[in-house]
Amino acid sequence: MPGVCKIPSTELQTTVIELSYIATKMTLPGSLASCTHIMTTPRYRTIWISDLHIGSTQCQADALLDFLKHTDSEKLYLVGDIIDFWSLSKKMYWPRTHNTIIQKILRKARHGTQIIYVPGNHDENVRDYDSYVFGDIVVKNSDVHTTTTGQRFLIVHGDEYDTIARHHRWLAQIGSVGYDWLIEFNRVLRFFRRLLGIQSNFSLAAYVKYKVKNVVQFISDYEDGIVRTLRDEGLDGVICGHIHHAEIKQIEGFWYINTGDFVESCTAIVEHFDGQLELIKWRSAETAQALLEQTEDNGEQVDLSAGI
């Protein structure tokens, strides 16, 4: 690949590379290696996922593994905050399922999926390896993706356009701790709701984001700021993550697309082979079956998604 250099094995000294190497040496647990049912995997031209936060208790590992198992693409973008080094620096948390996620991604790369890793602020040390390759995964601090219809999208994590993350890191880390507490409390809340027979995907963190005026204003300012910065750069839009708020919309003729996360909403952006971009919300393997059935049914959209 022109302009890309391979990292010699003796230089793989970052934690993420070591963890990836360990993952390739381990085998999948039987319960995760075998599918409980046979189904055709929906295939896309491109998939974007971000904010997985592997290595933290926030990561929705089961949903993420289900997504990786039941989707396929020619190209996969990992749009930042893939491994949560902020969380790992405070507490070592690396269950078997997290190792399986790394292994699954590496297996996709070995089987021909082009995987591009665009680091974020929680895995910012990986930015030192811009344009390097490890485990068949290319690291790029940013990239430009061209769809089959010729639209050009800048791919960045998005913290570069967040003034708090850029200039007040201590405040961003305090906010991250508060967010962690909300996620943990939400887990307890869901447990008791299930004991009472209440089945829902209620997210306390998402509820707070939508109800607290300052947070809603922050999301709006973030979206407007990134569009204002990039709309004169000869691009059709931007695909980013960072704020855990999935979205596809146009702002002043410029496409703003946010992948969301696999912490609360379990969302991804996909590109179909006709160039259409779509936001999907993952729940389980049943979602994959619904996507497949809709694809076969004259290209109709899945109700829970939005797209261009």
C-alpha atoms as a PDB file:
ATOM      1  CA  MET A   1       0.000   0.000   0.000  1.00  0.00           C
ATOM      2  CA  PRO A   2       1.674   3.262  -1.124  1.00  0.00           C
ATOM      3  CA  GLY A   3       2.695   5.627   1.640  1.00  0.00           C
ATOM      4  CA  VAL A   4       2.127   3.043   4.356  1.00  0.00           C
ATOM      5  CA  CYS A   5       4.988   1.432   6.255  1.00  0.00           C
ATOM      6  CA  LYS A   6       4.921  -1.844   8.154  1.00  0.00           C
ATOM      7  CA  ILE A   7       5.857  -1.852  11.849  1.00  0.00           C
ATOM      8  CA  PRO A   8       8.603  -4.390  12.619  1.00  0.00           C
ATOM      9  CA  SER A   9       7.535  -6.760  15.376  1.00  0.00           C
ATOM     10  CA  THR A  10      10.329  -5.526  17.625  1.00  0.00           C
ATOM     11  CA  GLU A  11       8.775  -2.045  17.664  1.00  0.00           C
ATOM     12  CA  LEU A  12       5.297  -3.052  18.741  1.00  0.00           C
ATOM     13  CA  GLN A  13       5.507  -1.561  22.187  1.00  0.00           C
ATOM     14  CA  THR A  14       2.151   0.110  22.772  1.00  0.00           C
ATOM     15  CA  THR A  15      -0.473  -1.616  24.853  1.00  0.00           C
ATOM     16  CA  VAL A  16      -2.947  -1.778  21.992  1.00  0.00           C
ATOM     17  CA  ILE A  17      -0.476  -3.678  19.802  1.00  0.00           C
ATOM     18  CA  GLU A  18       0.421  -6.058  22.610  1.00  0.00           C
ATOM     19  CA  LEU A  19      -3.236  -6.762  23.306  1.00  0.00           C
ATOM     20  CA  SER A  20      -3.851  -7.356  19.613  1.00  0.00           C
ATOM     21  CA  TYR A  21      -0.965  -9.800  19.476  1.00  0.00           C
ATOM     22  CA  ILE A  22      -2.279 -11.682  22.508  1.00  0.00           C
ATOM     23  CA  ALA A  23      -5.705 -11.848  20.899  1.00  0.00           C
ATOM     24  CA  THR A  24      -4.335 -13.588  17.799  1.00  0.00           C
ATOM     25  CA  LYS A  25      -2.851 -16.322  19.991  1.00  0.00           C
ATOM     26  CA  MET A  26      -6.053 -17.170  21.817  1.00  0.00           C
ATOM     27  CA  THR A  27      -8.947 -19.269  20.651  1.00  0.00           C
ATOM     28  CA  LEU A  28     -12.588 -18.295  20.844  1.00  0.00           C
ATOM     29  CA  PRO A  29     -14.604 -19.725  23.732  1.00  0.00           C
ATOM     30  CA  GLY A  30     -16.995 -22.366  22.486  1.00  0.00           C
ATOM     31  CA  SER A  31     -20.058 -20.328  23.417  1.00  0.00           C
ATOM     32  CA  LEU A  32     -18.852 -17.438  21.264  1.00  0.00           C
ATOM     33  CA  ALA A  33     -17.228 -19.365  18.451  1.00  0.00           C
ATOM     34  CA  SER A  34     -20.347 -21.244  17.366  1.00  0.00           C
ATOM     35  CA  CYS A  35     -23.494 -19.634  15.978  1.00  0.00           C
ATOM     36  CA  THR A  36     -26.725 -20.794  17.520  1.00  0.00           C
ATOM     37  CA  HIS A  37     -28.434 -20.536  14.152  1.00  0.00           C
ATOM     38  CA  ILE A  38     -27.435 -20.328  10.500  1.00  0.00           C
ATOM     39  CA  MET A  39     -28.216 -17.110   8.654  1.00  0.00           C
ATOM     40  CA  THR A  40     -26.877 -15.139   5.734  1.00  0.00           C
ATOM     41  CA  THR A  41     -24.725 -12.191   6.773  1.00  0.00           C
ATOM     42  CA  PRO A  42     -25.750  -8.761   5.425  1.00  0.00           C
ATOM     43  CA  ARG A  43     -22.868  -7.392   3.361  1.00  0.00           C
ATOM     44  CA  TYR A  44     -22.074  -3.730   2.881  1.00  0.00           C
ATOM     45  CA  ARG A  45     -19.485  -1.767   0.961  1.00  0.00           C
ATOM     46  CA  THR A  46     -18.389   0.115   4.094  1.00  0.00           C
ATOM     47  CA  ILE A  47     -19.154   0.069   7.820  1.00  0.00           C
ATOM     48  CA  TRP A  48     -18.263   2.746  10.383  1.00  0.00           C
ATOM     49  CA  ILE A  49     -18.289   2.093  14.135  1.00  0.00           C
ATOM     50  CA  SER A  50     -16.828   4.181  16.948  1.00  0.00           C
ATOM     51  CA  ASP A  51     -16.678   4.632  20.699  1.00  0.00           C
ATOM     52  CA  LEU A  52     -16.488   0.939  21.539  1.00  0.00           C
ATOM     53  CA  HIS A  53     -14.559   1.681  24.765  1.00  0.00           C
ATOM     54  CA  ILE A  54     -13.005  -1.774  24.922  1.00  0.00           C
ATOM     55  CA  GLY A  55     -11.226  -2.150  28.256  1.00  0.00           C
ATOM     56  CA  SER A  56     -13.939  -0.360  30.208  1.00  0.00           C
ATOM     57  CA  THR A  57     -17.105  -1.585  31.881  1.00  0.00           C
ATOM     58  CA  GLN A  58     -19.075   0.692  29.526  1.00  0.00           C
ATOM     59  CA  CYS A  59     -18.433  -1.507  26.475  1.00  0.00           C
ATOM     60  CA  GLN A  60     -21.495  -3.421  25.279  1.00  0.00           C
ATOM     61  CA  ALA A  61     -19.331  -6.405  24.399  1.00  0.00           C
ATOM     62  CA  ASP A  62     -22.107  -8.901  23.668  1.00  0.00           C
ATOM     63  CA  ALA A  63     -23.930  -6.563  21.302  1.00  0.00           C
ATOM     64  CA  LEU A  64     -20.657  -5.603  19.604  1.00  0.00           C
ATOM     65  CA  LEU A  65     -19.638  -9.233  19.094  1.00  0.00           C
ATOM     66  CA  ASP A  66     -23.083  -9.983  17.701  1.00  0.00           C
ATOM     67  CA  PHE A  67     -22.730  -7.051  15.296  1.00  0.00           C
ATOM     68  CA  LEU A  68     -19.263  -8.102  14.122  1.00  0.00           C
ATOM     69  CA  LYS A  69     -20.394 -11.704  13.719  1.00  0.00           C
ATOM     70  CA  HIS A  70     -23.494 -10.936  11.674  1.00  0.00           C
ATOM     71  CA  THR A  71     -22.278  -8.147   9.391  1.00  0.00           C
ATOM     72  CA  ASP A  72     -19.616  -8.038   6.703  1.00  0.00           C
ATOM     73  CA  SER A  73     -18.108  -5.324   4.513  1.00  0.00           C
ATOM     74  CA  GLU A  74     -15.336  -4.573   2.064  1.00  0.00           C
ATOM     75  CA  LYS A  75     -14.083  -1.771   4.313  1.00  0.00           C
ATOM     76  CA  LEU A  76     -14.452  -1.231   8.056  1.00  0.00           C
ATOM     77  CA  TYR A  77     -13.651   2.085   9.747  1.00  0.00           C
ATOM     78  CA  LEU A  78     -12.907   2.100  13.486  1.00  0.00           C
ATOM     79  CA  VAL A  79     -13.606   5.755  14.225  1.00  0.00           C
ATOM     80  CA  GLY A  80     -11.875   6.305  17.540  1.00  0.00           C
ATOM     81  CA  ASP A  81     -12.206   5.469  21.236  1.00  0.00           C
ATOM     82  CA  ILE A  82     -11.861   1.821  20.284  1.00  0.00           C
ATOM     83  CA  ILE A  83      -9.705   0.894  23.290  1.00  0.00           C
ATOM     84  CA  ASP A  84     -10.330   3.051  26.360  1.00  0.00           C
ATOM     85  CA  PHE A  85      -6.862   3.798  27.716  1.00  0.00           C
ATOM     86  CA  TRP A  86      -8.311   6.416  30.085  1.00  0.00           C
ATOM     87  CA  SER A  87     -10.290   3.698  31.822  1.00  0.00           C
ATOM     88  CA  LEU A  88      -7.450   1.149  31.690  1.00  0.00           C
ATOM     89  CA  SER A  89      -5.117   3.667  33.337  1.00  0.00           C
ATOM     90  CA  LYS A  90      -7.449   3.770  36.339  1.00  0.00           C
ATOM     91  CA  LYS A  91      -8.408   0.092  36.518  1.00  0.00           C
ATOM     92  CA  MET A  92      -7.326  -2.941  34.522  1.00  0.00           C
ATOM     93  CA  TYR A  93     -10.495  -4.400  33.068  1.00  0.00           C
ATOM     94  CA  TRP A  94     -10.075  -6.863  30.206  1.00  0.00           C
ATOM     95  CA  PRO A  95     -12.609  -9.739  30.250  1.00  0.00           C
ATOM     96  CA  ARG A  96     -12.499 -12.582  27.748  1.00  0.00           C
ATOM     97  CA  THR A  97     -15.216 -11.017  25.606  1.00  0.00           C
ATOM     98  CA  HIS A  98     -13.054  -7.930  25.040  1.00  0.00           C
ATOM     99  CA  ASN A  99     -10.191 -10.110  23.885  1.00  0.00           C
ATOM    100  CA  THR A 100     -12.631 -11.877  21.549  1.00  0.00           C
ATOM    101  CA  ILE A 101     -13.641  -8.519  20.026  1.00  0.00           C
ATOM    102  CA  ILE A 102     -10.001  -7.764  19.149  1.00  0.00           C
ATOM    103  CA  GLN A 103      -9.598 -11.233  17.713  1.00  0.00           C
ATOM    104  CA  LYS A 104     -12.768 -10.901  15.650  1.00  0.00           C
ATOM    105  CA  ILE A 105     -11.610  -7.610  14.135  1.00  0.00           C
ATOM    106  CA  LEU A 106      -8.176  -9.050  13.337  1.00  0.00           C
ATOM    107  CA  ARG A 107      -9.793 -12.075  11.722  1.00  0.00           C
ATOM    108  CA  LYS A 108     -11.850  -9.802   9.472  1.00  0.00           C
ATOM    109  CA  ALA A 109      -8.637  -8.067   8.405  1.00  0.00           C
ATOM    110  CA  ARG A 110      -6.927 -11.378   7.629  1.00  0.00           C
ATOM    111  CA  HIS A 111      -9.914 -12.481   5.561  1.00  0.00           C
ATOM    112  CA  GLY A 112      -9.722  -9.459   3.285  1.00  0.00           C
ATOM    113  CA  THR A 113     -11.696  -6.650   4.943  1.00  0.00           C
ATOM    114  CA  GLN A 114      -9.824  -3.354   4.621  1.00  0.00           C
ATOM    115  CA  ILE A 115      -9.765  -1.978   8.174  1.00  0.00           C
ATOM    116  CA  ILE A 116      -8.796   1.604   8.931  1.00  0.00           C
ATOM    117  CA  TYR A 117      -8.323   2.662  12.551  1.00  0.00           C
ATOM    118  CA  VAL A 118      -8.842   6.388  13.179  1.00  0.00           C
ATOM    119  CA  PRO A 119      -7.881   6.974  16.849  1.00  0.00           C
ATOM    120  CA  GLY A 120      -9.828   9.200  19.229  1.00  0.00           C
ATOM    121  CA  ASN A 121      -9.057  10.972  22.496  1.00  0.00           C
ATOM    122  CA  HIS A 122      -9.446   7.862  24.693  1.00  0.00           C
ATOM    123  CA  ASP A 123      -6.891   6.014  22.518  1.00  0.00           C
ATOM    124  CA  GLU A 124      -4.873   9.072  21.481  1.00  0.00           C
ATOM    125  CA  ASN A 125      -1.502   7.353  21.998  1.00  0.00           C
ATOM    126  CA  VAL A 126      -2.250   5.337  18.850  1.00  0.00           C
ATOM    127  CA  ARG A 127      -2.074   8.618  16.888  1.00  0.00           C
ATOM    128  CA  ASP A 128       1.701   8.393  17.155  1.00  0.00           C
ATOM    129  CA  TYR A 129       1.476   5.497  14.646  1.00  0.00           C
ATOM    130  CA  ASP A 130      -0.210   7.430  11.833  1.00  0.00           C
ATOM    131  CA  SER A 131       0.081   5.531   8.498  1.00  0.00           C
ATOM    132  CA  TYR A 132       1.509   2.421  10.162  1.00  0.00           C
ATOM    133  CA  VAL A 133       0.055  -1.077   9.834  1.00  0.00           C
ATOM    134  CA  PHE A 134      -0.290  -3.709  12.539  1.00  0.00           C
ATOM    135  CA  GLY A 135      -2.239  -6.919  12.268  1.00  0.00           C
ATOM    136  CA  ASP A 136      -3.323  -5.865   8.730  1.00  0.00           C
ATOM    137  CA  ILE A 137      -5.050  -2.810  10.235  1.00  0.00           C
ATOM    138  CA  VAL A 138      -4.030   0.623   8.937  1.00  0.00           C
ATOM    139  CA  VAL A 139      -3.817   3.498  11.434  1.00  0.00           C
ATOM    140  CA  LYS A 140      -4.783   6.907  10.052  1.00  0.00           C
ATOM    141  CA  ASN A 141      -5.428  10.027  12.083  1.00  0.00           C
ATOM    142  CA  SER A 142      -7.976  11.006   9.432  1.00  0.00           C
ATOM    143  CA  ASP A 143      -9.103   9.746   6.052  1.00  0.00           C
ATOM    144  CA  VAL A 144     -11.289  10.745   3.121  1.00  0.00           C
ATOM    145  CA  HIS A 145     -13.783   8.142   1.938  1.00  0.00           C
ATOM    146  CA  THR A 146     -15.418   8.317  -1.498  1.00  0.00           C
ATOM    147  CA  THR A 147     -18.758   6.552  -1.907  1.00  0.00           C
ATOM    148  CA  THR A 148     -19.814   4.764  -5.086  1.00  0.00           C
ATOM    149  CA  THR A 149     -21.824   7.875  -6.004  1.00  0.00           C
ATOM    150  CA  GLY A 150     -18.711  10.057  -5.746  1.00  0.00           C
ATOM    151  CA  GLN A 151     -19.496  11.782  -2.452  1.00  0.00           C
ATOM    152  CA  ARG A 152     -16.405  12.588  -0.378  1.00  0.00           C
ATOM    153  CA  PHE A 153     -16.531  12.316   3.414  1.00  0.00           C
ATOM    154  CA  LEU A 154     -13.855  13.241   5.924  1.00  0.00           C
ATOM    155  CA  ILE A 155     -13.441  10.497   8.531  1.00  0.00           C
ATOM    156  CA  VAL A 156     -12.285  11.764  11.951  1.00  0.00           C
ATOM    157  CA  HIS A 157     -13.092  10.852  15.529  1.00  0.00           C
ATOM    158  CA  GLY A 158     -14.260  14.393  16.229  1.00  0.00           C
ATOM    159  CA  ASP A 159     -12.514  15.370  19.449  1.00  0.00           C
ATOM    160  CA  GLU A 160     -10.365  17.648  17.282  1.00  0.00           C
ATOM    161  CA  TYR A 161     -13.418  19.907  16.984  1.00  0.00           C
ATOM    162  CA  ASP A 162     -14.425  19.725  20.658  1.00  0.00           C
ATOM    163  CA  THR A 163     -13.016  22.745  22.488  1.00  0.00           C
ATOM    164  CA  ILE A 164     -13.387  21.056  25.886  1.00  0.00           C
ATOM    165  CA  ALA A 165     -11.485  17.931  24.789  1.00  0.00           C
ATOM    166  CA  ARG A 166      -8.788  20.041  23.100  1.00  0.00           C
ATOM    167  CA  HIS A 167      -8.187  22.781  25.656  1.00  0.00           C
ATOM    168  CA  HIS A 168      -9.602  21.500  28.960  1.00  0.00           C
ATOM    169  CA  ARG A 169      -8.661  17.843  29.135  1.00  0.00           C
ATOM    170  CA  TRP A 170      -9.062  17.749  32.918  1.00  0.00           C
ATOM    171  CA  LEU A 171     -12.685  18.860  32.505  1.00  0.00           C
ATOM    172  CA  ALA A 172     -13.252  16.232  29.814  1.00  0.00           C
ATOM    173  CA  GLN A 173     -11.902  13.551  32.174  1.00  0.00           C
ATOM    174  CA  ILE A 174     -14.198  14.707  34.978  1.00  0.00           C
ATOM    175  CA  GLY A 175     -17.091  14.495  32.542  1.00  0.00           C
ATOM    176  CA  SER A 176     -15.971  11.001  31.562  1.00  0.00           C
ATOM    177  CA  VAL A 177     -16.047   9.896  35.211  1.00  0.00           C
ATOM    178  CA  GLY A 178     -19.552  11.299  35.631  1.00  0.00           C
ATOM    179  CA  TYR A 179     -20.649   9.533  32.464  1.00  0.00           C
ATOM    180  CA  ASP A 180     -19.219   6.261  33.815  1.00  0.00           C
ATOM    181  CA  TRP A 181     -21.306   6.656  36.960  1.00  0.00           C
ATOM    182  CA  LEU A 182     -24.451   7.221  34.886  1.00  0.00           C
ATOM    183  CA  ILE A 183     -23.746   4.073  32.859  1.00  0.00           C
ATOM    184  CA  GLU A 184     -23.166   1.982  36.002  1.00  0.00           C
ATOM    185  CA  PHE A 185     -26.305   3.312  37.673  1.00  0.00           C
ATOM    186  CA  ASN A 186     -28.235   2.596  34.481  1.00  0.00           C
ATOM    187  CA  ARG A 187     -27.102  -1.058  34.624  1.00  0.00           C
ATOM    188  CA  VAL A 188     -28.496  -1.381  38.157  1.00  0.00           C
ATOM    189  CA  LEU A 189     -31.714   0.324  37.070  1.00  0.00           C
ATOM    190  CA  ARG A 190     -32.127  -2.059  34.128  1.00  0.00           C
ATOM    191  CA  PHE A 191     -31.544  -5.066  36.402  1.00  0.00           C
ATOM    192  CA  PHE A 192     -34.374  -4.081  38.738  1.00  0.00           C
ATOM    193  CA  ARG A 193     -36.658  -3.186  35.824  1.00  0.00           C
ATOM    194  CA  ARG A 194     -36.135  -6.687  34.437  1.00  0.00           C
ATOM    195  CA  LEU A 195     -36.903  -8.196  37.878  1.00  0.00           C
ATOM    196  CA  LEU A 196     -40.191  -6.332  37.700  1.00  0.00           C
ATOM    197  CA  GLY A 197     -40.841  -7.712  34.242  1.00  0.00           C
ATOM    198  CA  ILE A 198     -40.204  -4.410  32.480  1.00  0.00           C
ATOM    199  CA  GLN A 199     -38.260  -5.087  29.277  1.00  0.00           C
ATOM    200  CA  SER A 200     -36.836  -1.940  27.710  1.00  0.00           C
ATOM    201  CA  ASN A 201     -33.626  -0.416  26.412  1.00  0.00           C
ATOM    202  CA  PHE A 202     -34.005   2.705  28.531  1.00  0.00           C
ATOM    203  CA  SER A 203     -30.721   4.612  28.833  1.00  0.00           C
ATOM    204  CA  LEU A 204     -30.368   6.982  31.762  1.00  0.00           C
ATOM    205  CA  ALA A 205     -27.316   8.622  30.191  1.00  0.00           C
ATOM    206  CA  ALA A 206     -29.230   9.259  26.959  1.00  0.00           C
ATOM    207  CA  TYR A 207     -32.204  10.593  28.942  1.00  0.00           C
ATOM    208  CA  VAL A 208     -29.959  13.030  30.791  1.00  0.00           C
ATOM    209  CA  LYS A 209     -28.345  14.141  27.528  1.00  0.00           C
ATOM    210  CA  TYR A 210     -31.700  14.994  26.006  1.00  0.00           C
ATOM    211  CA  LYS A 211     -33.153  16.633  29.124  1.00  0.00           C
ATOM    212  CA  VAL A 212     -30.236  18.723  30.362  1.00  0.00           C
ATOM    213  CA  LYS A 213     -30.309  21.957  28.380  1.00  0.00           C
ATOM    214  CA  ASN A 214     -26.546  22.547  28.500  1.00  0.00           C
ATOM    215  CA  VAL A 215     -25.801  19.069  27.137  1.00  0.00           C
ATOM    216  CA  VAL A 216     -28.298  19.481  24.303  1.00  0.00           C
ATOM    217  CA  GLN A 217     -26.717  22.841  23.483  1.00  0.00           C
ATOM    218  CA  PHE A 218     -23.241  21.273  23.540  1.00  0.00           C
ATOM    219  CA  ILE A 219     -24.315  18.637  20.983  1.00  0.00           C
ATOM    220  CA  SER A 220     -25.825  21.327  18.764  1.00  0.00           C
ATOM    221  CA  ASP A 221     -22.728  23.550  19.048  1.00  0.00           C
ATOM    222  CA  TYR A 222     -20.462  20.583  18.308  1.00  0.00           C
ATOM    223  CA  GLU A 223     -22.403  19.675  15.162  1.00  0.00           C
ATOM    224  CA  ASP A 224     -22.518  23.271  13.921  1.00  0.00           C
ATOM    225  CA  GLY A 225     -18.838  23.838  14.722  1.00  0.00           C
ATOM    226  CA  ILE A 226     -17.553  20.822  12.828  1.00  0.00           C
ATOM    227  CA  VAL A 227     -19.714  21.720   9.801  1.00  0.00           C
ATOM    228  CA  ARG A 228     -18.567  25.359   9.783  1.00  0.00           C
ATOM    229  CA  THR A 229     -14.943  24.235   9.898  1.00  0.00           C
ATOM    230  CA  LEU A 230     -15.159  21.692   7.073  1.00  0.00           C
ATOM    231  CA  ARG A 231     -17.855  22.859   4.639  1.00  0.00           C
ATOM    232  CA  ASP A 232     -15.379  24.846   2.485  1.00  0.00           C
ATOM    233  CA  GLU A 233     -12.834  22.008   2.246  1.00  0.00           C
ATOM    234  CA  GLY A 234     -14.205  20.464  -0.966  1.00  0.00           C
ATOM    235  CA  LEU A 235     -16.046  17.746   0.941  1.00  0.00           C
ATOM    236  CA  ASP A 236     -19.645  16.572   0.899  1.00  0.00           C
ATOM    237  CA  GLY A 237     -19.715  15.735   4.571  1.00  0.00           C
ATOM    238  CA  VAL A 238     -18.043  14.371   7.677  1.00  0.00           C
ATOM    239  CA  ILE A 239     -18.391  11.025   9.442  1.00  0.00           C
ATOM    240  CA  CYS A 240     -17.316  11.139  13.084  1.00  0.00           C
ATOM    241  CA  GLY A 241     -18.071   9.840  16.572  1.00  0.00           C
ATOM    242  CA  HIS A 242     -16.952  11.202  19.959  1.00  0.00           C
ATOM    243  CA  ILE A 243     -20.196  12.540  21.465  1.00  0.00           C
ATOM    244  CA  HIS A 244     -22.147   9.226  21.594  1.00  0.00           C
ATOM    245  CA  HIS A 245     -25.057  10.689  19.652  1.00  0.00           C
ATOM    246  CA  ALA A 246     -25.845   8.935  16.364  1.00  0.00           C
ATOM    247  CA  GLU A 247     -27.133  11.181  13.608  1.00  0.00           C
ATOM    248  CA  ILE A 248     -27.496  11.592   9.852  1.00  0.00           C
ATOM    249  CA  LYS A 249     -28.540  15.070   8.768  1.00  0.00           C
ATOM    250  CA  GLN A 250     -27.669  17.965   6.498  1.00  0.00           C
ATOM    251  CA  ILE A 251     -26.559  21.297   7.927  1.00  0.00           C
ATOM    252  CA  GLU A 252     -26.425  24.083   5.337  1.00  0.00           C
ATOM    253  CA  GLY A 253     -26.014  21.543   2.522  1.00  0.00           C
ATOM    254  CA  PHE A 254     -23.200  19.664   4.314  1.00  0.00           C
ATOM    255  CA  TRP A 255     -23.753  16.116   5.559  1.00  0.00           C
ATOM    256  CA  TYR A 256     -23.107  15.630   9.273  1.00  0.00           C
ATOM    257  CA  ILE A 257     -22.990  11.917  10.145  1.00  0.00           C
ATOM    258  CA  ASN A 258     -22.230  10.564  13.601  1.00  0.00           C
ATOM    259  CA  THR A 259     -21.722   6.851  14.201  1.00  0.00           C
ATOM    260  CA  GLY A 260     -22.972   6.922  17.793  1.00  0.00           C
ATOM    261  CA  ASP A 261     -21.419   4.293  20.056  1.00  0.00           C
ATOM    262  CA  PHE A 262     -21.454   0.751  21.427  1.00  0.00           C
ATOM    263  CA  VAL A 263     -21.902   1.939  25.004  1.00  0.00           C
ATOM    264  CA  GLU A 264     -25.517   3.114  25.052  1.00  0.00           C
ATOM    265  CA  SER A 265     -27.140   3.070  21.631  1.00  0.00           C
ATOM    266  CA  CYS A 266     -25.164   0.333  19.798  1.00  0.00           C
ATOM    267  CA  THR A 267     -25.286   2.102  16.431  1.00  0.00           C
ATOM    268  CA  ALA A 268     -23.287   2.054  13.205  1.00  0.00           C
ATOM    269  CA  ILE A 269     -23.221   3.754   9.820  1.00  0.00           C
ATOM    270  CA  VAL A 270     -23.220   1.540   6.730  1.00  0.00           C
ATOM    271  CA  GLU A 271     -22.750   2.215   3.030  1.00  0.00           C
ATOM    272  CA  HIS A 272     -24.724   0.048   0.639  1.00  0.00           C
ATOM    273  CA  PHE A 273     -23.258  -0.892  -2.706  1.00  0.00           C
ATOM    274  CA  ASP A 274     -25.420   1.748  -4.414  1.00  0.00           C
ATOM    275  CA  GLY A 275     -23.717   4.449  -2.306  1.00  0.00           C
ATOM    276  CA  GLN A 276     -26.617   4.968   0.106  1.00  0.00           C
ATOM    277  CA  LEU A 277     -25.568   5.666   3.685  1.00  0.00           C
ATOM    278  CA  GLU A 278     -27.705   4.359   6.522  1.00  0.00           C
ATOM    279  CA  LEU A 279     -27.773   4.547  10.309  1.00  0.00           C
ATOM    280  CA  ILE A 280     -28.590   1.226  11.945  1.00  0.00           C
ATOM    281  CA  LYS A 281     -29.283   0.509  15.596  1.00  0.00           C
ATOM    282  CA  TRP A 282     -28.145  -2.958  16.628  1.00  0.00           C
ATOM    283  CA  ARG A 283     -30.028  -5.034  19.132  1.00  0.00           C
ATOM    284  CA  SER A 284     -29.287  -8.686  18.385  1.00  0.00           C
ATOM    285  CA  ALA A 285     -28.904 -11.212  15.594  1.00  0.00           C
ATOM    286  CA  GLU A 286     -32.600 -10.684  14.885  1.00  0.00           C
ATOM    287  CA  THR A 287     -31.687  -7.193  13.684  1.00  0.00           C
ATOM    288  CA  ALA A 288     -29.330  -8.721  11.136  1.00  0.00           C
ATOM    289  CA  GLN A 289     -32.101 -10.994   9.919  1.00  0.00           C
ATOM    290  CA  ALA A 290     -34.443  -8.011   9.574  1.00  0.00           C
ATOM    291  CA  LEU A 291     -31.800  -6.123   7.596  1.00  0.00           C
ATOM    292  CA  LEU A 292     -31.315  -9.094   5.313  1.00  0.00           C
ATOM    293  CA  GLU A 293     -35.046  -9.507   4.709  1.00  0.00           C
ATOM    294  CA  GLN A 294     -35.426  -5.816   3.929  1.00  0.00           C
ATOM    295  CA  THR A 295     -32.467  -5.922   1.527  1.00  0.00           C
ATOM    296  CA  GLU A 296     -34.091  -8.804  -0.321  1.00  0.00           C
ATOM    297  CA  ASP A 297     -37.488  -7.083  -0.337  1.00  0.00           C
ATOM    298  CA  ASN A 298     -36.907  -4.550  -3.128  1.00  0.00           C
ATOM    299  CA  GLY A 299     -34.406  -2.524  -1.122  1.00  0.00           C
ATOM    300  CA  GLU A 300     -36.887  -1.236   1.467  1.00  0.00           C
ATOM    301  CA  GLN A 301     -35.494   0.538   4.518  1.00  0.00           C
ATOM    302  CA  VAL A 302     -35.497  -0.945   8.019  1.00  0.00           C
ATOM    303  CA  ASP A 303     -37.808   1.076  10.267  1.00  0.00           C
ATOM    304  CA  LEU A 304     -35.214   1.653  12.975  1.00  0.00           C
ATOM    305  CA  SER A 305     -32.687   3.250  10.634  1.00  0.00           C
ATOM    306  CA  ALA A 306     -32.144   6.562   8.954  1.00  0.00           C
ATOM    307  CA  GLY A 307     -30.192   7.215   5.822  1.00  0.00           C
ATOM    308  CA  ILE A 308     -29.214   9.448   2.952  1.00  0.00           C
END
